[in-house]
């Protein structure tokens, strides 16, 4: 995966998950991928790329992360 991408939007947690933040990303190239970068307490946990999905899917994943529905899972 290319390390060149652009930031599309940001999401911030509230209440119990105020320490969470997520950014939706789009890679550059002829066949762009969408993904999210997840943060907790200001520290980047990593990026999940969704190769077979669109921007709306990435936005939903970002929202789910900051709401506590989705958690970061290390490979």
PDB file of N, CA and C in Angstrom:
ATOM      1  N   UNK A   1       0.853  -1.184   0.000  1.00  0.00           N
ATOM      2  CA  UNK A   1       0.000   0.000   0.000  1.00  0.00           C
ATOM      3  C   UNK A   1       0.889   1.233   0.000  1.00  0.00           C
ATOM      4  N   UNK A   2       0.529   2.173  -0.816  1.00  0.00           N
ATOM      5  CA  UNK A   2       1.273   3.433  -0.898  1.00  0.00           C
ATOM      6  C   UNK A   2       1.139   4.210   0.400  1.00  0.00           C
ATOM      7  N   UNK A   3       2.170   4.956   0.748  1.00  0.00           N
ATOM      8  CA  UNK A   3       2.077   5.804   1.931  1.00  0.00           C
ATOM      9  C   UNK A   3       1.628   7.211   1.557  1.00  0.00           C
ATOM     10  N   UNK A   4       1.161   7.377   0.315  1.00  0.00           N
ATOM     11  CA  UNK A   4       0.665   8.676  -0.124  1.00  0.00           C
ATOM     12  C   UNK A   4      -0.853   8.655  -0.118  1.00  0.00           C
ATOM     13  N   UNK A   5      -1.410   9.550   0.676  1.00  0.00           N
ATOM     14  CA  UNK A   5      -2.860   9.603   0.797  1.00  0.00           C
ATOM     15  C   UNK A   5      -3.280  11.000   1.218  1.00  0.00           C
ATOM     16  N   UNK A   6      -4.575  11.269   1.080  1.00  0.00           N
ATOM     17  CA  UNK A   6      -5.095  12.564   1.499  1.00  0.00           C
ATOM     18  C   UNK A   6      -6.157  12.370   2.580  1.00  0.00           C
ATOM     19  N   UNK A   7      -6.230  13.350   3.436  1.00  0.00           N
ATOM     20  CA  UNK A   7      -7.216  13.375   4.500  1.00  0.00           C
ATOM     21  C   UNK A   7      -8.548  13.851   3.922  1.00  0.00           C
ATOM     22  N   UNK A   8      -9.610  13.097   4.192  1.00  0.00           N
ATOM     23  CA  UNK A   8     -10.938  13.472   3.713  1.00  0.00           C
ATOM     24  C   UNK A   8     -11.787  14.098   4.811  1.00  0.00           C
ATOM     25  N   UNK A   9     -11.776  13.510   6.001  1.00  0.00           N
ATOM     26  CA  UNK A   9     -12.594  14.034   7.098  1.00  0.00           C
ATOM     27  C   UNK A   9     -12.069  13.517   8.432  1.00  0.00           C
ATOM     28  N   UNK A  10     -12.541  14.154   9.510  1.00  0.00           N
ATOM     29  CA  UNK A  10     -12.131  13.783  10.864  1.00  0.00           C
ATOM     30  C   UNK A  10     -13.362  13.567  11.726  1.00  0.00           C
ATOM     31  N   UNK A  11     -13.251  12.625  12.650  1.00  0.00           N
ATOM     32  CA  UNK A  11     -14.327  12.326  13.588  1.00  0.00           C
ATOM     33  C   UNK A  11     -13.740  12.299  14.989  1.00  0.00           C
ATOM     34  N   UNK A  12     -14.486  12.826  15.948  1.00  0.00           N
ATOM     35  CA  UNK A  12     -14.034  12.861  17.336  1.00  0.00           C
ATOM     36  C   UNK A  12     -15.048  12.211  18.241  1.00  0.00           C
ATOM     37  N   UNK A  13     -14.548  11.452  19.207  1.00  0.00           N
ATOM     38  CA  UNK A  13     -15.418  10.800  20.169  1.00  0.00           C
ATOM     39  C   UNK A  13     -15.926  11.782  21.211  1.00  0.00           C
ATOM     40  N   UNK A  14     -16.967  11.373  21.910  1.00  0.00           N
ATOM     41  CA  UNK A  14     -17.539  12.173  22.992  1.00  0.00           C
ATOM     42  C   UNK A  14     -17.806  11.270  24.188  1.00  0.00           C
ATOM     43  N   UNK A  15     -18.103  11.889  25.318  1.00  0.00           N
ATOM     44  CA  UNK A  15     -18.451  11.133  26.518  1.00  0.00           C
ATOM     45  C   UNK A  15     -17.374  10.136  26.884  1.00  0.00           C
ATOM     46  N   UNK A  16     -17.768   8.895  27.040  1.00  0.00           N
ATOM     47  CA  UNK A  16     -16.877   7.808  27.433  1.00  0.00           C
ATOM     48  C   UNK A  16     -15.726   7.609  26.438  1.00  0.00           C
ATOM     49  N   UNK A  17     -15.941   8.012  25.174  1.00  0.00           N
ATOM     50  CA  UNK A  17     -14.936   7.800  24.126  1.00  0.00           C
ATOM     51  C   UNK A  17     -14.324   9.114  23.630  1.00  0.00           C
ATOM     52  N   UNK A  18     -14.281  10.122  24.499  1.00  0.00           N
ATOM     53  CA  UNK A  18     -13.736  11.431  24.132  1.00  0.00           C
ATOM     54  C   UNK A  18     -12.259  11.349  23.743  1.00  0.00           C
ATOM     55  N   UNK A  19     -11.568  10.305  24.164  1.00  0.00           N
ATOM     56  CA  UNK A  19     -10.148  10.148  23.850  1.00  0.00           C
ATOM     57  C   UNK A  19      -9.903   9.530  22.468  1.00  0.00           C
ATOM     58  N   UNK A  20     -10.967   9.279  21.711  1.00  0.00           N
ATOM     59  CA  UNK A  20     -10.824   8.664  20.389  1.00  0.00           C
ATOM     60  C   UNK A  20     -10.996   9.686  19.267  1.00  0.00           C
ATOM     61  N   UNK A  21     -10.225   9.459  18.205  1.00  0.00           N
ATOM     62  CA  UNK A  21     -10.325  10.277  16.997  1.00  0.00           C
ATOM     63  C   UNK A  21     -10.092   9.356  15.806  1.00  0.00           C
ATOM     64  N   UNK A  22     -10.751   9.650  14.690  1.00  0.00           N
ATOM     65  CA  UNK A  22     -10.525   8.887  13.465  1.00  0.00           C
ATOM     66  C   UNK A  22     -10.506   9.841  12.284  1.00  0.00           C
ATOM     67  N   UNK A  23      -9.687   9.507  11.299  1.00  0.00           N
ATOM     68  CA  UNK A  23      -9.606  10.276  10.060  1.00  0.00           C
ATOM     69  C   UNK A  23      -9.923   9.341   8.899  1.00  0.00           C
ATOM     70  N   UNK A  24     -10.743   9.795   7.959  1.00  0.00           N
ATOM     71  CA  UNK A  24     -10.947   9.016   6.742  1.00  0.00           C
ATOM     72  C   UNK A  24      -9.908   9.465   5.723  1.00  0.00           C
ATOM     73  N   UNK A  25      -9.365   8.490   4.990  1.00  0.00           N
ATOM     74  CA  UNK A  25      -8.263   8.728   4.067  1.00  0.00           C
ATOM     75  C   UNK A  25      -8.577   8.140   2.692  1.00  0.00           C
ATOM     76  N   UNK A  26      -7.936   8.705   1.676  1.00  0.00           N
ATOM     77  CA  UNK A  26      -8.026   8.186   0.304  1.00  0.00           C
ATOM     78  C   UNK A  26      -6.615   8.119  -0.241  1.00  0.00           C
ATOM     79  N   UNK A  27      -6.243   6.956  -0.767  1.00  0.00           N
ATOM     80  CA  UNK A  27      -4.911   6.814  -1.364  1.00  0.00           C
ATOM     81  C   UNK A  27      -4.918   7.438  -2.748  1.00  0.00           C
ATOM     82  N   UNK A  28      -3.737   7.769  -3.231  1.00  0.00           N
ATOM     83  CA  UNK A  28      -3.580   8.300  -4.582  1.00  0.00           C
ATOM     84  C   UNK A  28      -3.377   7.145  -5.555  1.00  0.00           C
ATOM     85  N   UNK A  29      -3.616   7.397  -6.811  1.00  0.00           N
ATOM     86  CA  UNK A  29      -3.364   6.397  -7.835  1.00  0.00           C
ATOM     87  C   UNK A  29      -4.588   6.148  -8.692  1.00  0.00           C
ATOM     88  N   UNK A  30      -4.410   5.278  -9.675  1.00  0.00           N
ATOM     89  CA  UNK A  30      -5.491   4.961 -10.604  1.00  0.00           C
ATOM     90  C   UNK A  30      -6.633   4.205  -9.937  1.00  0.00           C
ATOM     91  N   UNK A  31      -6.330   3.421  -8.926  1.00  0.00           N
ATOM     92  CA  UNK A  31      -7.344   2.649  -8.205  1.00  0.00           C
ATOM     93  C   UNK A  31      -7.243   2.986  -6.723  1.00  0.00           C
ATOM     94  N   UNK A  32      -7.832   4.111  -6.322  1.00  0.00           N
ATOM     95  CA  UNK A  32      -7.683   4.549  -4.929  1.00  0.00           C
ATOM     96  C   UNK A  32      -8.398   3.627  -3.944  1.00  0.00           C
ATOM     97  N   UNK A  33      -7.839   3.568  -2.756  1.00  0.00           N
ATOM     98  CA  UNK A  33      -8.440   2.840  -1.647  1.00  0.00           C
ATOM     99  C   UNK A  33      -8.859   3.853  -0.603  1.00  0.00           C
ATOM    100  N   UNK A  34      -9.851   3.483   0.187  1.00  0.00           N
ATOM    101  CA  UNK A  34     -10.292   4.313   1.304  1.00  0.00           C
ATOM    102  C   UNK A  34      -9.948   3.594   2.594  1.00  0.00           C
ATOM    103  N   UNK A  35      -9.711   4.376   3.627  1.00  0.00           N
ATOM    104  CA  UNK A  35      -9.367   3.779   4.903  1.00  0.00           C
ATOM    105  C   UNK A  35      -9.536   4.767   6.029  1.00  0.00           C
ATOM    106  N   UNK A  36      -9.187   4.324   7.222  1.00  0.00           N
ATOM    107  CA  UNK A  36      -9.245   5.205   8.397  1.00  0.00           C
ATOM    108  C   UNK A  36      -7.965   5.067   9.210  1.00  0.00           C
ATOM    109  N   UNK A  37      -7.542   6.196   9.771  1.00  0.00           N
ATOM    110  CA  UNK A  37      -6.463   6.212  10.767  1.00  0.00           C
ATOM    111  C   UNK A  37      -7.147   6.417  12.105  1.00  0.00           C
ATOM    112  N   UNK A  38      -6.828   5.561  13.072  1.00  0.00           N
ATOM    113  CA  UNK A  38      -7.440   5.630  14.399  1.00  0.00           C
ATOM    114  C   UNK A  38      -6.435   6.155  15.425  1.00  0.00           C
ATOM    115  N   UNK A  39      -6.938   6.974  16.322  1.00  0.00           N
ATOM    116  CA  UNK A  39      -6.132   7.555  17.398  1.00  0.00           C
ATOM    117  C   UNK A  39      -6.803   7.267  18.734  1.00  0.00           C
ATOM    118  N   UNK A  40      -5.992   7.168  19.759  1.00  0.00           N
ATOM    119  CA  UNK A  40      -6.497   7.135  21.124  1.00  0.00           C
ATOM    120  C   UNK A  40      -5.529   7.974  21.959  1.00  0.00           C
ATOM    121  N   UNK A  41      -6.073   8.888  22.717  1.00  0.00           N
ATOM    122  CA  UNK A  41      -5.273   9.810  23.532  1.00  0.00           C
ATOM    123  C   UNK A  41      -4.218  10.535  22.685  1.00  0.00           C
ATOM    124  N   UNK A  42      -4.571  10.880  21.448  1.00  0.00           N
ATOM    125  CA  UNK A  42      -3.680  11.623  20.568  1.00  0.00           C
ATOM    126  C   UNK A  42      -2.619  10.789  19.870  1.00  0.00           C
ATOM    127  N   UNK A  43      -2.541   9.502  20.168  1.00  0.00           N
ATOM    128  CA  UNK A  43      -1.533   8.622  19.573  1.00  0.00           C
ATOM    129  C   UNK A  43      -2.143   7.818  18.429  1.00  0.00           C
ATOM    130  N   UNK A  44      -1.488   7.854  17.278  1.00  0.00           N
ATOM    131  CA  UNK A  44      -1.960   7.090  16.129  1.00  0.00           C
ATOM    132  C   UNK A  44      -1.761   5.599  16.372  1.00  0.00           C
ATOM    133  N   UNK A  45      -2.830   4.832  16.207  1.00  0.00           N
ATOM    134  CA  UNK A  45      -2.759   3.384  16.376  1.00  0.00           C
ATOM    135  C   UNK A  45      -2.418   2.686  15.063  1.00  0.00           C
ATOM    136  N   UNK A  46      -2.793   3.292  13.968  1.00  0.00           N
ATOM    137  CA  UNK A  46      -2.527   2.697  12.669  1.00  0.00           C
ATOM    138  C   UNK A  46      -3.642   3.014  11.685  1.00  0.00           C
ATOM    139  N   UNK A  47      -3.478   2.511  10.473  1.00  0.00           N
ATOM    140  CA  UNK A  47      -4.440   2.738   9.398  1.00  0.00           C
ATOM    141  C   UNK A  47      -5.016   1.404   8.964  1.00  0.00           C
ATOM    142  N   UNK A  48      -6.333   1.364   8.786  1.00  0.00           N
ATOM    143  CA  UNK A  48      -7.013   0.228   8.172  1.00  0.00           C
ATOM    144  C   UNK A  48      -7.442   0.663   6.773  1.00  0.00           C
ATOM    145  N   UNK A  49      -7.032  -0.087   5.757  1.00  0.00           N
ATOM    146  CA  UNK A  49      -7.444   0.189   4.379  1.00  0.00           C
ATOM    147  C   UNK A  49      -8.546  -0.773   3.986  1.00  0.00           C
ATOM    148  N   UNK A  50      -9.538  -0.255   3.266  1.00  0.00           N
ATOM    149  CA  UNK A  50     -10.677  -1.055   2.814  1.00  0.00           C
ATOM    150  C   UNK A  50     -10.637  -1.118   1.296  1.00  0.00           C
ATOM    151  N   UNK A  51      -9.918  -2.094   0.765  1.00  0.00           N
ATOM    152  CA  UNK A  51      -9.649  -2.176  -0.666  1.00  0.00           C
ATOM    153  C   UNK A  51     -10.897  -2.409  -1.511  1.00  0.00           C
ATOM    154  N   UNK A  52     -11.867  -3.090  -0.992  1.00  0.00           N
ATOM    155  CA  UNK A  52     -13.054  -3.430  -1.790  1.00  0.00           C
ATOM    156  C   UNK A  52     -14.264  -2.563  -1.428  1.00  0.00           C
ATOM    157  N   UNK A  53     -14.019  -1.413  -0.781  1.00  0.00           N
ATOM    158  CA  UNK A  53     -15.133  -0.588  -0.306  1.00  0.00           C
ATOM    159  C   UNK A  53     -14.959   0.865  -0.729  1.00  0.00           C
ATOM    160  N   UNK A  54     -16.021   1.640  -0.555  1.00  0.00           N
ATOM    161  CA  UNK A  54     -16.028   3.037  -0.986  1.00  0.00           C
ATOM    162  C   UNK A  54     -15.837   3.988   0.198  1.00  0.00           C
ATOM    163  N   UNK A  55     -15.912   5.285  -0.103  1.00  0.00           N
ATOM    164  CA  UNK A  55     -15.711   6.319   0.912  1.00  0.00           C
ATOM    165  C   UNK A  55     -16.753   6.236   2.023  1.00  0.00           C
ATOM    166  N   UNK A  56     -17.989   5.948   1.663  1.00  0.00           N
ATOM    167  CA  UNK A  56     -19.046   5.861   2.682  1.00  0.00           C
ATOM    168  C   UNK A  56     -18.752   4.747   3.691  1.00  0.00           C
ATOM    169  N   UNK A  57     -18.199   3.657   3.223  1.00  0.00           N
ATOM    170  CA  UNK A  57     -17.836   2.552   4.117  1.00  0.00           C
ATOM    171  C   UNK A  57     -16.781   3.018   5.121  1.00  0.00           C
ATOM    172  N   UNK A  58     -15.771   3.737   4.633  1.00  0.00           N
ATOM    173  CA  UNK A  58     -14.716   4.250   5.510  1.00  0.00           C
ATOM    174  C   UNK A  58     -15.286   5.250   6.513  1.00  0.00           C
ATOM    175  N   UNK A  59     -16.188   6.115   6.070  1.00  0.00           N
ATOM    176  CA  UNK A  59     -16.815   7.073   6.975  1.00  0.00           C
ATOM    177  C   UNK A  59     -17.591   6.354   8.079  1.00  0.00           C
ATOM    178  N   UNK A  60     -18.310   5.315   7.721  1.00  0.00           N
ATOM    179  CA  UNK A  60     -19.052   4.538   8.725  1.00  0.00           C
ATOM    180  C   UNK A  60     -18.111   3.879   9.716  1.00  0.00           C
ATOM    181  N   UNK A  61     -16.994   3.342   9.225  1.00  0.00           N
ATOM    182  CA  UNK A  61     -16.009   2.719  10.112  1.00  0.00           C
ATOM    183  C   UNK A  61     -15.426   3.747  11.079  1.00  0.00           C
ATOM    184  N   UNK A  62     -15.138   4.947  10.581  1.00  0.00           N
ATOM    185  CA  UNK A  62     -14.601   6.014  11.439  1.00  0.00           C
ATOM    186  C   UNK A  62     -15.621   6.408  12.517  1.00  0.00           C
ATOM    187  N   UNK A  63     -16.867   6.565  12.123  1.00  0.00           N
ATOM    188  CA  UNK A  63     -17.919   6.891  13.092  1.00  0.00           C
ATOM    189  C   UNK A  63     -18.051   5.793  14.134  1.00  0.00           C
ATOM    190  N   UNK A  64     -18.049   4.552  13.681  1.00  0.00           N
ATOM    191  CA  UNK A  64     -18.168   3.429  14.615  1.00  0.00           C
ATOM    192  C   UNK A  64     -17.009   3.381  15.589  1.00  0.00           C
ATOM    193  N   UNK A  65     -15.815   3.737  15.142  1.00  0.00           N
ATOM    194  CA  UNK A  65     -14.661   3.742  16.040  1.00  0.00           C
ATOM    195  C   UNK A  65     -14.823   4.797  17.138  1.00  0.00           C
ATOM    196  N   UNK A  66     -15.170   6.020  16.764  1.00  0.00           N
ATOM    197  CA  UNK A  66     -15.267   7.076  17.783  1.00  0.00           C
ATOM    198  C   UNK A  66     -16.478   6.885  18.698  1.00  0.00           C
ATOM    199  N   UNK A  67     -17.462   6.104  18.268  1.00  0.00           N
ATOM    200  CA  UNK A  67     -18.622   5.798  19.110  1.00  0.00           C
ATOM    201  C   UNK A  67     -18.388   4.585  20.013  1.00  0.00           C
ATOM    202  N   UNK A  68     -17.262   3.897  19.817  1.00  0.00           N
ATOM    203  CA  UNK A  68     -16.954   2.721  20.641  1.00  0.00           C
ATOM    204  C   UNK A  68     -17.560   1.429  20.117  1.00  0.00           C
ATOM    205  N   UNK A  69     -18.173   1.466  18.948  1.00  0.00           N
ATOM    206  CA  UNK A  69     -18.767   0.266  18.349  1.00  0.00           C
ATOM    207  C   UNK A  69     -17.672  -0.611  17.748  1.00  0.00           C
ATOM    208  N   UNK A  70     -16.687   0.035  17.142  1.00  0.00           N
ATOM    209  CA  UNK A  70     -15.541  -0.643  16.520  1.00  0.00           C
ATOM    210  C   UNK A  70     -14.312  -0.373  17.367  1.00  0.00           C
ATOM    211  N   UNK A  71     -13.458  -1.350  17.469  1.00  0.00           N
ATOM    212  CA  UNK A  71     -12.188  -1.192  18.180  1.00  0.00           C
ATOM    213  C   UNK A  71     -11.029  -1.439  17.236  1.00  0.00           C
ATOM    214  N   UNK A  72      -9.882  -0.880  17.562  1.00  0.00           N
ATOM    215  CA  UNK A  72      -8.671  -1.111  16.778  1.00  0.00           C
ATOM    216  C   UNK A  72      -8.174  -2.516  17.065  1.00  0.00           C
ATOM    217  N   UNK A  73      -7.903  -3.266  16.014  1.00  0.00           N
ATOM    218  CA  UNK A  73      -7.390  -4.617  16.173  1.00  0.00           C
ATOM    219  C   UNK A  73      -6.059  -4.724  15.466  1.00  0.00           C
ATOM    220  N   UNK A  74      -5.048  -5.116  16.198  1.00  0.00           N
ATOM    221  CA  UNK A  74      -3.717  -5.287  15.605  1.00  0.00           C
ATOM    222  C   UNK A  74      -3.679  -6.619  14.879  1.00  0.00           C
ATOM    223  N   UNK A  75      -2.934  -6.642  13.762  1.00  0.00           N
ATOM    224  CA  UNK A  75      -2.804  -7.897  12.993  1.00  0.00           C
ATOM    225  C   UNK A  75      -2.029  -8.939  13.745  1.00  0.00           C
TER     226      UNK A  75
END
